[in-house]
PDB file of N, CA and C in Angstrom:
ATOM      1  N   UNK A   1     -17.723 -19.075 -11.799  1.00  0.00           N
ATOM      2  CA  UNK A   1     -16.205 -19.215 -10.780  1.00  0.00           C
ATOM      3  C   UNK A   1     -16.578 -17.903  -9.684  1.00  0.00           C
ATOM      4  N   UNK A   2     -16.501 -18.691  -8.215  1.00  0.00           N
ATOM      5  CA  UNK A   2     -17.181 -17.067  -7.709  1.00  0.00           C
ATOM      6  C   UNK A   2     -16.230 -16.056  -7.499  1.00  0.00           C
ATOM      7  N   UNK A   3     -15.790 -14.853  -6.785  1.00  0.00           N
ATOM      8  CA  UNK A   3     -15.189 -14.770  -6.805  1.00  0.00           C
ATOM      9  C   UNK A   3     -15.017 -14.717  -5.145  1.00  0.00           C
ATOM     10  N   UNK A   4     -13.365 -13.901  -5.084  1.00  0.00           N
ATOM     11  CA  UNK A   4     -13.107 -14.327  -3.393  1.00  0.00           C
ATOM     12  C   UNK A   4     -13.302 -12.684  -2.989  1.00  0.00           C
ATOM     13  N   UNK A   5     -14.021 -12.914  -1.775  1.00  0.00           N
ATOM     14  CA  UNK A   5     -14.381 -11.889  -0.716  1.00  0.00           C
ATOM     15  C   UNK A   5     -12.973 -10.519  -0.838  1.00  0.00           C
ATOM     16  N   UNK A   6     -12.508  -9.591  -0.923  1.00  0.00           N
ATOM     17  CA  UNK A   6     -12.246  -8.283  -0.615  1.00  0.00           C
ATOM     18  C   UNK A   6     -11.566  -7.656   0.541  1.00  0.00           C
ATOM     19  N   UNK A   7     -12.616  -8.342   1.408  1.00  0.00           N
ATOM     20  CA  UNK A   7     -12.911  -7.537   2.529  1.00  0.00           C
ATOM     21  C   UNK A   7     -12.623  -8.944   3.652  1.00  0.00           C
ATOM     22  N   UNK A   8     -12.054  -9.981   3.635  1.00  0.00           N
ATOM     23  CA  UNK A   8     -11.245 -10.306   4.636  1.00  0.00           C
ATOM     24  C   UNK A   8      -9.934 -10.215   5.676  1.00  0.00           C
ATOM     25  N   UNK A   9      -8.743  -9.214   5.030  1.00  0.00           N
ATOM     26  CA  UNK A   9      -7.422  -8.962   5.418  1.00  0.00           C
ATOM     27  C   UNK A   9      -7.313  -8.077   4.462  1.00  0.00           C
ATOM     28  N   UNK A  10      -5.723  -7.539   4.841  1.00  0.00           N
ATOM     29  CA  UNK A  10      -5.108  -6.217   4.363  1.00  0.00           C
ATOM     30  C   UNK A  10      -4.760  -6.785   3.365  1.00  0.00           C
ATOM     31  N   UNK A  11      -4.462  -8.130   3.146  1.00  0.00           N
ATOM     32  CA  UNK A  11      -3.432  -8.836   2.028  1.00  0.00           C
ATOM     33  C   UNK A  11      -4.674  -8.633   0.430  1.00  0.00           C
ATOM     34  N   UNK A  12      -5.370  -9.315   1.105  1.00  0.00           N
ATOM     35  CA  UNK A  12      -6.466  -9.120   0.070  1.00  0.00           C
ATOM     36  C   UNK A  12      -7.322  -7.571  -0.979  1.00  0.00           C
ATOM     37  N   UNK A  13      -7.238  -6.820   0.502  1.00  0.00           N
ATOM     38  CA  UNK A  13      -7.828  -5.267   0.152  1.00  0.00           C
ATOM     39  C   UNK A  13      -6.838  -4.934  -0.614  1.00  0.00           C
ATOM     40  N   UNK A  14      -5.172  -5.402  -0.402  1.00  0.00           N
ATOM     41  CA  UNK A  14      -4.399  -3.650  -0.912  1.00  0.00           C
ATOM     42  C   UNK A  14      -3.889  -4.456  -2.729  1.00  0.00           C
ATOM     43  N   UNK A  15      -4.222  -5.927  -2.512  1.00  0.00           N
ATOM     44  CA  UNK A  15      -4.381  -6.816  -3.780  1.00  0.00           C
ATOM     45  C   UNK A  15      -4.731  -5.816  -5.665  1.00  0.00           C
ATOM     46  N   UNK A  16      -6.005  -4.754  -5.303  1.00  0.00           N
ATOM     47  CA  UNK A  16      -6.603  -3.581  -6.281  1.00  0.00           C
ATOM     48  C   UNK A  16      -5.887  -2.965  -6.136  1.00  0.00           C
ATOM     49  N   UNK A  17      -5.444  -2.846  -7.413  1.00  0.00           N
ATOM     50  CA  UNK A  17      -4.090  -1.286  -7.975  1.00  0.00           C
ATOM     51  C   UNK A  17      -4.749   0.053  -7.003  1.00  0.00           C
ATOM     52  N   UNK A  18      -6.228   0.445  -7.298  1.00  0.00           N
ATOM     53  CA  UNK A  18      -7.462   1.910  -6.644  1.00  0.00           C
ATOM     54  C   UNK A  18      -6.830   1.832  -5.037  1.00  0.00           C
ATOM     55  N   UNK A  19      -6.827   0.184  -4.740  1.00  0.00           N
ATOM     56  CA  UNK A  19      -6.998   0.356  -2.881  1.00  0.00           C
ATOM     57  C   UNK A  19      -5.499   1.233  -3.162  1.00  0.00           C
ATOM     58  N   UNK A  20      -4.449   0.918  -3.142  1.00  0.00           N
ATOM     59  CA  UNK A  20      -2.484   0.766  -3.270  1.00  0.00           C
ATOM     60  C   UNK A  20      -3.130   2.258  -3.394  1.00  0.00           C
ATOM     61  N   UNK A  21      -3.191   2.468  -4.111  1.00  0.00           N
ATOM     62  CA  UNK A  21      -3.349   3.815  -5.042  1.00  0.00           C
ATOM     63  C   UNK A  21      -3.832   5.445  -4.199  1.00  0.00           C
ATOM     64  N   UNK A  22      -4.905   4.697  -3.320  1.00  0.00           N
ATOM     65  CA  UNK A  22      -5.503   6.087  -2.028  1.00  0.00           C
ATOM     66  C   UNK A  22      -4.793   5.472  -0.383  1.00  0.00           C
ATOM     67  N   UNK A  23      -4.333   3.901  -0.248  1.00  0.00           N
ATOM     68  CA  UNK A  23      -3.137   4.273   0.230  1.00  0.00           C
ATOM     69  C   UNK A  23      -2.249   4.995   0.249  1.00  0.00           C
ATOM     70  N   UNK A  24      -1.338   5.266  -1.120  1.00  0.00           N
ATOM     71  CA  UNK A  24      -0.464   6.274  -1.026  1.00  0.00           C
ATOM     72  C   UNK A  24      -0.286   7.642  -0.808  1.00  0.00           C
ATOM     73  N   UNK A  25      -2.175   7.697  -1.825  1.00  0.00           N
ATOM     74  CA  UNK A  25      -2.633   9.316  -1.714  1.00  0.00           C
ATOM     75  C   UNK A  25      -2.392  10.033   0.407  1.00  0.00           C
ATOM     76  N   UNK A  26      -3.312   8.730   1.102  1.00  0.00           N
ATOM     77  CA  UNK A  26      -3.681   8.654   2.739  1.00  0.00           C
ATOM     78  C   UNK A  26      -2.464   9.484   3.422  1.00  0.00           C
ATOM     79  N   UNK A  27      -0.698   8.931   3.217  1.00  0.00           N
ATOM     80  CA  UNK A  27       0.708   8.659   3.515  1.00  0.00           C
ATOM     81  C   UNK A  27       0.375  10.629   3.886  1.00  0.00           C
ATOM     82  N   UNK A  28       0.161  11.065   2.392  1.00  0.00           N
ATOM     83  CA  UNK A  28      -0.120  13.152   2.789  1.00  0.00           C
ATOM     84  C   UNK A  28      -0.701  12.773   4.141  1.00  0.00           C
ATOM     85  N   UNK A  29      -2.043  12.826   4.294  1.00  0.00           N
ATOM     86  CA  UNK A  29      -2.354  12.965   5.494  1.00  0.00           C
ATOM     87  C   UNK A  29      -3.540  12.895   4.889  1.00  0.00           C
ATOM     88  N   UNK A  30      -4.723  13.735   6.155  1.00  0.00           N
ATOM     89  CA  UNK A  30      -6.114  12.875   6.220  1.00  0.00           C
ATOM     90  C   UNK A  30      -6.756  13.555   4.543  1.00  0.00           C
ATOM     91  N   UNK A  31      -7.583  12.899   4.077  1.00  0.00           N
ATOM     92  CA  UNK A  31      -8.141  14.027   2.444  1.00  0.00           C
ATOM     93  C   UNK A  31     -10.050  13.329   2.771  1.00  0.00           C
ATOM     94  N   UNK A  32     -10.693  14.310   2.125  1.00  0.00           N
ATOM     95  CA  UNK A  32     -11.950  13.786   1.960  1.00  0.00           C
ATOM     96  C   UNK A  32     -12.325  13.097   0.507  1.00  0.00           C
ATOM     97  N   UNK A  33     -13.626  12.034   0.461  1.00  0.00           N
ATOM     98  CA  UNK A  33     -13.863  11.849  -0.322  1.00  0.00           C
ATOM     99  C   UNK A  33     -13.685  12.553  -1.647  1.00  0.00           C
ATOM    100  N   UNK A  34     -13.894  13.262  -1.713  1.00  0.00           N
ATOM    101  CA  UNK A  34     -14.050  14.096  -3.040  1.00  0.00           C
ATOM    102  C   UNK A  34     -12.731  15.018  -3.295  1.00  0.00           C
ATOM    103  N   UNK A  35     -11.602  14.816  -1.873  1.00  0.00           N
ATOM    104  CA  UNK A  35     -10.193  15.011  -2.210  1.00  0.00           C
ATOM    105  C   UNK A  35      -8.952  13.875  -2.796  1.00  0.00           C
ATOM    106  N   UNK A  36      -9.784  12.778  -2.599  1.00  0.00           N
ATOM    107  CA  UNK A  36      -9.286  11.830  -2.785  1.00  0.00           C
ATOM    108  C   UNK A  36      -9.558  11.858  -4.621  1.00  0.00           C
ATOM    109  N   UNK A  37     -11.174  12.033  -4.679  1.00  0.00           N
ATOM    110  CA  UNK A  37     -11.688  12.091  -6.646  1.00  0.00           C
ATOM    111  C   UNK A  37     -10.700  12.770  -7.323  1.00  0.00           C
ATOM    112  N   UNK A  38     -10.556  13.681  -7.081  1.00  0.00           N
ATOM    113  CA  UNK A  38      -9.755  14.911  -7.265  1.00  0.00           C
ATOM    114  C   UNK A  38      -8.426  14.807  -8.010  1.00  0.00           C
ATOM    115  N   UNK A  39      -7.805  13.694  -6.588  1.00  0.00           N
ATOM    116  CA  UNK A  39      -6.464  12.872  -7.206  1.00  0.00           C
ATOM    117  C   UNK A  39      -6.355  11.366  -8.301  1.00  0.00           C
ATOM    118  N   UNK A  40      -7.630  11.209  -8.163  1.00  0.00           N
ATOM    119  CA  UNK A  40      -7.855   9.666  -9.374  1.00  0.00           C
ATOM    120  C   UNK A  40      -9.038  10.077 -10.371  1.00  0.00           C
ATOM    121  N   UNK A  41      -8.088   8.767 -11.149  1.00  0.00           N
ATOM    122  CA  UNK A  41      -9.075   8.773 -12.403  1.00  0.00           C
ATOM    123  C   UNK A  41     -10.016   8.036 -12.856  1.00  0.00           C
ATOM    124  N   UNK A  42     -10.798   7.788 -11.013  1.00  0.00           N
ATOM    125  CA  UNK A  42     -12.304   7.039 -11.015  1.00  0.00           C
ATOM    126  C   UNK A  42     -13.444   7.713 -10.281  1.00  0.00           C
ATOM    127  N   UNK A  43     -14.457   7.383 -10.412  1.00  0.00           N
ATOM    128  CA  UNK A  43     -15.879   8.226 -10.420  1.00  0.00           C
ATOM    129  C   UNK A  43     -15.722   8.473  -8.106  1.00  0.00           C
ATOM    130  N   UNK A  44     -16.423   9.461  -8.227  1.00  0.00           N
ATOM    131  CA  UNK A  44     -16.950   8.950  -6.737  1.00  0.00           C
ATOM    132  C   UNK A  44     -17.463   8.011  -5.870  1.00  0.00           C
ATOM    133  N   UNK A  45     -18.088   7.683  -6.674  1.00  0.00           N
ATOM    134  CA  UNK A  45     -19.255   6.056  -5.779  1.00  0.00           C
ATOM    135  C   UNK A  45     -18.123   5.054  -6.366  1.00  0.00           C
ATOM    136  N   UNK A  46     -17.159   5.021  -6.979  1.00  0.00           N
ATOM    137  CA  UNK A  46     -15.843   3.725  -6.935  1.00  0.00           C
ATOM    138  C   UNK A  46     -14.743   4.139  -5.609  1.00  0.00           C
ATOM    139  N   UNK A  47     -14.478   5.384  -5.629  1.00  0.00           N
ATOM    140  CA  UNK A  47     -13.654   6.067  -4.596  1.00  0.00           C
ATOM    141  C   UNK A  47     -14.394   5.245  -3.473  1.00  0.00           C
ATOM    142  N   UNK A  48     -15.405   5.729  -3.497  1.00  0.00           N
ATOM    143  CA  UNK A  48     -16.336   5.473  -1.568  1.00  0.00           C
ATOM    144  C   UNK A  48     -15.787   3.750  -1.494  1.00  0.00           C
ATOM    145  N   UNK A  49     -16.711   2.607  -2.820  1.00  0.00           N
ATOM    146  CA  UNK A  49     -16.639   1.544  -2.637  1.00  0.00           C
ATOM    147  C   UNK A  49     -15.474   0.951  -2.367  1.00  0.00           C
ATOM    148  N   UNK A  50     -13.843   1.467  -2.650  1.00  0.00           N
ATOM    149  CA  UNK A  50     -12.429   1.187  -1.999  1.00  0.00           C
ATOM    150  C   UNK A  50     -12.467   1.995  -0.672  1.00  0.00           C
ATOM    151  N   UNK A  51     -12.601   2.788  -0.168  1.00  0.00           N
ATOM    152  CA  UNK A  51     -12.756   3.025   1.210  1.00  0.00           C
ATOM    153  C   UNK A  51     -13.842   2.397   1.854  1.00  0.00           C
ATOM    154  N   UNK A  52     -14.781   1.862   1.670  1.00  0.00           N
ATOM    155  CA  UNK A  52     -15.025   1.001   2.568  1.00  0.00           C
ATOM    156  C   UNK A  52     -15.018  -0.534   2.864  1.00  0.00           C
ATOM    157  N   UNK A  53     -14.269  -1.191   1.920  1.00  0.00           N
ATOM    158  CA  UNK A  53     -13.433  -2.413   1.354  1.00  0.00           C
ATOM    159  C   UNK A  53     -12.087  -1.555   2.466  1.00  0.00           C
ATOM    160  N   UNK A  54     -11.529  -0.828   2.413  1.00  0.00           N
ATOM    161  CA  UNK A  54     -10.522  -0.221   2.938  1.00  0.00           C
ATOM    162  C   UNK A  54     -10.362  -0.367   4.406  1.00  0.00           C
ATOM    163  N   UNK A  55     -11.920   0.275   5.143  1.00  0.00           N
ATOM    164  CA  UNK A  55     -12.338   0.433   6.269  1.00  0.00           C
ATOM    165  C   UNK A  55     -12.402  -0.625   6.503  1.00  0.00           C
ATOM    166  N   UNK A  56     -13.316  -1.789   6.439  1.00  0.00           N
ATOM    167  CA  UNK A  56     -14.356  -3.106   7.203  1.00  0.00           C
ATOM    168  C   UNK A  56     -12.339  -3.441   7.431  1.00  0.00           C
ATOM    169  N   UNK A  57     -11.309  -4.184   6.648  1.00  0.00           N
ATOM    170  CA  UNK A  57      -9.808  -4.422   7.034  1.00  0.00           C
ATOM    171  C   UNK A  57      -9.618  -3.912   8.384  1.00  0.00           C
ATOM    172  N   UNK A  58      -9.756  -2.598   8.663  1.00  0.00           N
ATOM    173  CA  UNK A  58      -8.672  -1.773   9.381  1.00  0.00           C
ATOM    174  C   UNK A  58      -7.389  -0.855   8.576  1.00  0.00           C
ATOM    175  N   UNK A  59      -7.466  -0.753   7.600  1.00  0.00           N
ATOM    176  CA  UNK A  59      -7.103   0.006   6.712  1.00  0.00           C
ATOM    177  C   UNK A  59      -6.730   1.183   6.588  1.00  0.00           C
ATOM    178  N   UNK A  60      -8.025   2.375   6.430  1.00  0.00           N
ATOM    179  CA  UNK A  60      -8.665   3.567   7.381  1.00  0.00           C
ATOM    180  C   UNK A  60      -9.395   3.643   7.945  1.00  0.00           C
ATOM    181  N   UNK A  61      -9.854   4.623   8.755  1.00  0.00           N
ATOM    182  CA  UNK A  61     -10.593   5.389   9.629  1.00  0.00           C
ATOM    183  C   UNK A  61     -10.939   6.294   8.905  1.00  0.00           C
ATOM    184  N   UNK A  62     -12.223   7.119   9.600  1.00  0.00           N
ATOM    185  CA  UNK A  62     -12.539   8.227   9.020  1.00  0.00           C
ATOM    186  C   UNK A  62     -12.944   8.565  10.578  1.00  0.00           C
ATOM    187  N   UNK A  63     -13.677  10.499  10.273  1.00  0.00           N
ATOM    188  CA  UNK A  63     -13.840  10.767  11.492  1.00  0.00           C
ATOM    189  C   UNK A  63     -14.890  11.870  10.372  1.00  0.00           C
ATOM    190  N   UNK A  64     -16.298  12.949  11.047  1.00  0.00           N
ATOM    191  CA  UNK A  64     -17.115  13.476  10.649  1.00  0.00           C
ATOM    192  C   UNK A  64     -16.130  14.896  10.318  1.00  0.00           C
ATOM    193  N   UNK A  65     -16.770  16.295   9.663  1.00  0.00           N
ATOM    194  CA  UNK A  65     -15.807  17.103   9.407  1.00  0.00           C
ATOM    195  C   UNK A  65     -16.793  17.917   8.676  1.00  0.00           C
ATOM    196  N   UNK A  66     -17.975  18.663   9.630  1.00  0.00           N
ATOM    197  CA  UNK A  66     -19.364  18.695   9.020  1.00  0.00           C
ATOM    198  C   UNK A  66     -19.485  18.464   8.171  1.00  0.00           C
ATOM    199  N   UNK A  67     -19.978  18.109   7.200  1.00  0.00           N
ATOM    200  CA  UNK A  67     -20.702  17.869   5.808  1.00  0.00           C
ATOM    201  C   UNK A  67     -20.071  16.349   5.404  1.00  0.00           C
ATOM    202  N   UNK A  68     -18.159  16.187   5.255  1.00  0.00           N
ATOM    203  CA  UNK A  68     -17.846  15.354   5.263  1.00  0.00           C
ATOM    204  C   UNK A  68     -17.012  14.053   5.628  1.00  0.00           C
ATOM    205  N   UNK A  69     -16.259  13.211   5.350  1.00  0.00           N
ATOM    206  CA  UNK A  69     -15.927  12.307   6.444  1.00  0.00           C
ATOM    207  C   UNK A  69     -14.528  12.585   5.574  1.00  0.00           C
ATOM    208  N   UNK A  70     -14.080  12.330   7.070  1.00  0.00           N
ATOM    209  CA  UNK A  70     -12.311  12.524   6.406  1.00  0.00           C
ATOM    210  C   UNK A  70     -11.680  11.485   6.677  1.00  0.00           C
ATOM    211  N   UNK A  71     -10.579  11.046   5.652  1.00  0.00           N
ATOM    212  CA  UNK A  71     -10.363   9.852   6.059  1.00  0.00           C
ATOM    213  C   UNK A  71      -8.858   9.764   5.973  1.00  0.00           C
ATOM    214  N   UNK A  72      -8.667   8.522   7.088  1.00  0.00           N
ATOM    215  CA  UNK A  72      -6.964   8.939   7.305  1.00  0.00           C
ATOM    216  C   UNK A  72      -6.137   6.882   7.751  1.00  0.00           C
ATOM    217  N   UNK A  73      -5.211   6.892   6.981  1.00  0.00           N
ATOM    218  CA  UNK A  73      -4.489   5.414   6.926  1.00  0.00           C
ATOM    219  C   UNK A  73      -4.235   5.094   8.238  1.00  0.00           C
ATOM    220  N   UNK A  74      -4.078   3.913   8.271  1.00  0.00           N
ATOM    221  CA  UNK A  74      -4.004   2.790  10.022  1.00  0.00           C
ATOM    222  C   UNK A  74      -3.227   2.283   9.979  1.00  0.00           C
ATOM    223  N   UNK A  75      -1.448   2.773   9.774  1.00  0.00           N
ATOM    224  CA  UNK A  75      -0.619   2.081   9.168  1.00  0.00           C
ATOM    225  C   UNK A  75      -0.503   0.465  10.213  1.00  0.00           C
ATOM    226  N   UNK A  76      -0.325   0.616  11.161  1.00  0.00           N
ATOM    227  CA  UNK A  76      -0.904  -0.459  11.951  1.00  0.00           C
ATOM    228  C   UNK A  76      -1.453  -1.870  11.870  1.00  0.00           C
ATOM    229  N   UNK A  77      -2.810  -1.398  10.497  1.00  0.00           N
ATOM    230  CA  UNK A  77      -3.663  -2.844  10.116  1.00  0.00           C
ATOM    231  C   UNK A  77      -2.725  -3.343   9.204  1.00  0.00           C
ATOM    232  N   UNK A  78      -1.138  -2.665   8.752  1.00  0.00           N
ATOM    233  CA  UNK A  78      -0.623  -2.806   7.794  1.00  0.00           C
ATOM    234  C   UNK A  78       0.476  -3.805   8.087  1.00  0.00           C
ATOM    235  N   UNK A  79       0.736  -3.833   9.413  1.00  0.00           N
ATOM    236  CA  UNK A  79       1.932  -4.784   9.585  1.00  0.00           C
ATOM    237  C   UNK A  79       1.630  -6.089   9.935  1.00  0.00           C
ATOM    238  N   UNK A  80       0.523  -7.572   9.337  1.00  0.00           N
ATOM    239  CA  UNK A  80       0.839  -8.628   8.878  1.00  0.00           C
ATOM    240  C   UNK A  80       1.636  -8.939   7.367  1.00  0.00           C
ATOM    241  N   UNK A  81       1.127  -7.270   6.707  1.00  0.00           N
ATOM    242  CA  UNK A  81       1.733  -7.684   5.359  1.00  0.00           C
ATOM    243  C   UNK A  81       3.110  -7.012   5.656  1.00  0.00           C
ATOM    244  N   UNK A  82       4.010  -6.499   6.783  1.00  0.00           N
ATOM    245  CA  UNK A  82       4.973  -5.786   6.547  1.00  0.00           C
ATOM    246  C   UNK A  82       5.857  -7.169   6.725  1.00  0.00           C
ATOM    247  N   UNK A  83       5.498  -7.908   8.166  1.00  0.00           N
ATOM    248  CA  UNK A  83       5.836  -9.119   8.452  1.00  0.00           C
ATOM    249  C   UNK A  83       5.855 -10.063   7.186  1.00  0.00           C
ATOM    250  N   UNK A  84       5.382 -10.111   6.669  1.00  0.00           N
ATOM    251  CA  UNK A  84       5.702 -11.623   5.591  1.00  0.00           C
ATOM    252  C   UNK A  84       6.795 -11.045   4.494  1.00  0.00           C
ATOM    253  N   UNK A  85       6.503  -9.198   4.609  1.00  0.00           N
ATOM    254  CA  UNK A  85       7.656  -8.820   3.340  1.00  0.00           C
ATOM    255  C   UNK A  85       8.635  -8.901   4.020  1.00  0.00           C
ATOM    256  N   UNK A  86       9.281  -9.264   5.096  1.00  0.00           N
ATOM    257  CA  UNK A  86      10.085  -8.901   5.550  1.00  0.00           C
ATOM    258  C   UNK A  86      11.770 -10.263   4.747  1.00  0.00           C
ATOM    259  N   UNK A  87      10.909 -10.951   5.285  1.00  0.00           N
ATOM    260  CA  UNK A  87      11.872 -12.069   4.783  1.00  0.00           C
ATOM    261  C   UNK A  87      12.621 -11.979   3.499  1.00  0.00           C
ATOM    262  N   UNK A  88      11.474 -11.520   2.202  1.00  0.00           N
ATOM    263  CA  UNK A  88      11.717 -11.431   1.348  1.00  0.00           C
ATOM    264  C   UNK A  88      13.005 -10.331   0.866  1.00  0.00           C
ATOM    265  N   UNK A  89      12.883  -9.151   2.160  1.00  0.00           N
ATOM    266  CA  UNK A  89      13.513  -7.780   2.000  1.00  0.00           C
ATOM    267  C   UNK A  89      14.573  -8.621   1.907  1.00  0.00           C
ATOM    268  N   UNK A  90      14.969  -9.418   3.282  1.00  0.00           N
ATOM    269  CA  UNK A  90      16.497 -10.048   4.231  1.00  0.00           C
ATOM    270  C   UNK A  90      17.335 -11.214   2.767  1.00  0.00           C
ATOM    271  N   UNK A  91      15.980 -11.937   1.444  1.00  0.00           N
ATOM    272  CA  UNK A  91      16.724 -12.092   0.560  1.00  0.00           C
ATOM    273  C   UNK A  91      17.033 -11.545  -0.354  1.00  0.00           C
ATOM    274  N   UNK A  92      16.863 -10.695  -0.461  1.00  0.00           N
ATOM    275  CA  UNK A  92      17.189  -9.615  -1.530  1.00  0.00           C
ATOM    276  C   UNK A  92      18.001  -9.005  -1.208  1.00  0.00           C
ATOM    277  N   UNK A  93      18.652  -7.785  -0.011  1.00  0.00           N
ATOM    278  CA  UNK A  93      19.824  -7.475   0.735  1.00  0.00           C
ATOM    279  C   UNK A  93      20.533  -8.765   0.803  1.00  0.00           C
ATOM    280  N   UNK A  94      20.511  -9.836   0.678  1.00  0.00           N
ATOM    281  CA  UNK A  94      21.591 -10.993   0.683  1.00  0.00           C
ATOM    282  C   UNK A  94      21.905 -10.694  -1.054  1.00  0.00           C
ATOM    283  N   UNK A  95      20.951 -10.948  -1.309  1.00  0.00           N
ATOM    284  CA  UNK A  95      21.581 -11.305  -2.984  1.00  0.00           C
ATOM    285  C   UNK A  95      22.182  -9.757  -3.398  1.00  0.00           C
ATOM    286  N   UNK A  96      21.684  -8.608  -2.923  1.00  0.00           N
ATOM    287  CA  UNK A  96      22.005  -7.674  -4.215  1.00  0.00           C
ATOM    288  C   UNK A  96      23.415  -7.143  -2.940  1.00  0.00           C
ATOM    289  N   UNK A  97      23.811  -7.686  -1.783  1.00  0.00           N
ATOM    290  CA  UNK A  97      24.872  -7.489  -1.366  1.00  0.00           C
ATOM    291  C   UNK A  97      26.190  -8.505  -2.710  1.00  0.00           C
ATOM    292  N   UNK A  98      25.490  -9.562  -2.379  1.00  0.00           N
ATOM    293  CA  UNK A  98      26.495 -10.149  -3.188  1.00  0.00           C
ATOM    294  C   UNK A  98      26.561 -10.052  -4.908  1.00  0.00           C
ATOM    295  N   UNK A  99      26.245  -8.953  -5.321  1.00  0.00           N
ATOM    296  CA  UNK A  99      26.180  -8.689  -6.483  1.00  0.00           C
ATOM    297  C   UNK A  99      27.449  -7.813  -6.495  1.00  0.00           C
ATOM    298  N   UNK A 100      27.101  -6.942  -5.535  1.00  0.00           N
ATOM    299  CA  UNK A 100      27.563  -5.847  -4.846  1.00  0.00           C
ATOM    300  C   UNK A 100      28.995  -5.769  -4.465  1.00  0.00           C
ATOM    301  N   UNK A 101      29.431  -7.146  -3.771  1.00  0.00           N
ATOM    302  CA  UNK A 101      30.994  -8.071  -4.163  1.00  0.00           C
ATOM    303  C   UNK A 101      31.780  -8.357  -5.740  1.00  0.00           C
ATOM    304  N   UNK A 102      30.553  -9.303  -5.933  1.00  0.00           N
ATOM    305  CA  UNK A 102      30.405  -9.492  -7.744  1.00  0.00           C
ATOM    306  C   UNK A 102      31.770  -8.081  -8.275  1.00  0.00           C
ATOM    307  N   UNK A 103      30.515  -7.221  -8.189  1.00  0.00           N
ATOM    308  CA  UNK A 103      30.934  -5.919  -9.114  1.00  0.00           C
ATOM    309  C   UNK A 103      32.741  -5.160  -8.182  1.00  0.00           C
ATOM    310  N   UNK A 104      32.710  -4.938  -7.464  1.00  0.00           N
ATOM    311  CA  UNK A 104      33.927  -4.764  -6.284  1.00  0.00           C
ATOM    312  C   UNK A 104      34.944  -5.580  -6.831  1.00  0.00           C
ATOM    313  N   UNK A 105      34.964  -7.224  -6.947  1.00  0.00           N
ATOM    314  CA  UNK A 105      35.508  -8.145  -7.012  1.00  0.00           C
ATOM    315  C   UNK A 105      36.140  -7.774  -8.816  1.00  0.00           C
ATOM    316  N   UNK A 106      35.456  -7.826  -9.820  1.00  0.00           N
ATOM    317  CA  UNK A 106      35.154  -7.925 -11.468  1.00  0.00           C
ATOM    318  C   UNK A 106      36.111  -6.277 -11.931  1.00  0.00           C
ATOM    319  N   UNK A 107      35.791  -5.198 -11.135  1.00  0.00           N
ATOM    320  CA  UNK A 107      36.328  -3.536 -11.276  1.00  0.00           C
ATOM    321  C   UNK A 107      37.586  -3.817 -10.591  1.00  0.00           C
ATOM    322  N   UNK A 108      38.317  -4.851  -9.478  1.00  0.00           N
ATOM    323  CA  UNK A 108      39.357  -4.997  -9.156  1.00  0.00           C
ATOM    324  C   UNK A 108      40.011  -5.827  -9.683  1.00  0.00           C
ATOM    325  N   UNK A 109      39.783  -6.615 -10.586  1.00  0.00           N
ATOM    326  CA  UNK A 109      40.772  -7.742 -12.004  1.00  0.00           C
ATOM    327  C   UNK A 109      41.012  -6.083 -12.661  1.00  0.00           C
ATOM    328  N   UNK A 110      39.895  -5.392 -12.983  1.00  0.00           N
ATOM    329  CA  UNK A 110      40.411  -4.501 -14.528  1.00  0.00           C
ATOM    330  C   UNK A 110      41.253  -3.388 -13.880  1.00  0.00           C
ATOM    331  N   UNK A 111      41.314  -3.014 -12.524  1.00  0.00           N
ATOM    332  CA  UNK A 111      42.188  -2.345 -12.535  1.00  0.00           C
ATOM    333  C   UNK A 111      43.617  -2.409 -12.493  1.00  0.00           C
ATOM    334  N   UNK A 112      44.045  -3.982 -12.727  1.00  0.00           N
ATOM    335  CA  UNK A 112      45.392  -4.491 -12.354  1.00  0.00           C
ATOM    336  C   UNK A 112      45.794  -4.558 -13.826  1.00  0.00           C
TER     337      UNK A 112
END
């Protein structure tokens, strides 16, 4: 069975846990490949490969800094993921509000 392309969009790119970990690290600020490697339990070639995928879908960009490349997150590229998740966030908020109301109700009965 052929593997699905991982570079088609943000959803496919962030499906891989190591790429999400790289994005998490880049929320702190710009980092070089070597700094990312120091923070992760994978090799430099693997980090570079993941950065290539993230760059191809626009989730990260890079700039030269001497002999290194500095990577930073492009958060606006996550907009499709955010837009898709907001309906689920609304659903969970409604459910948690109902749970909160129910807990208030049963706590009120216990006090009587």
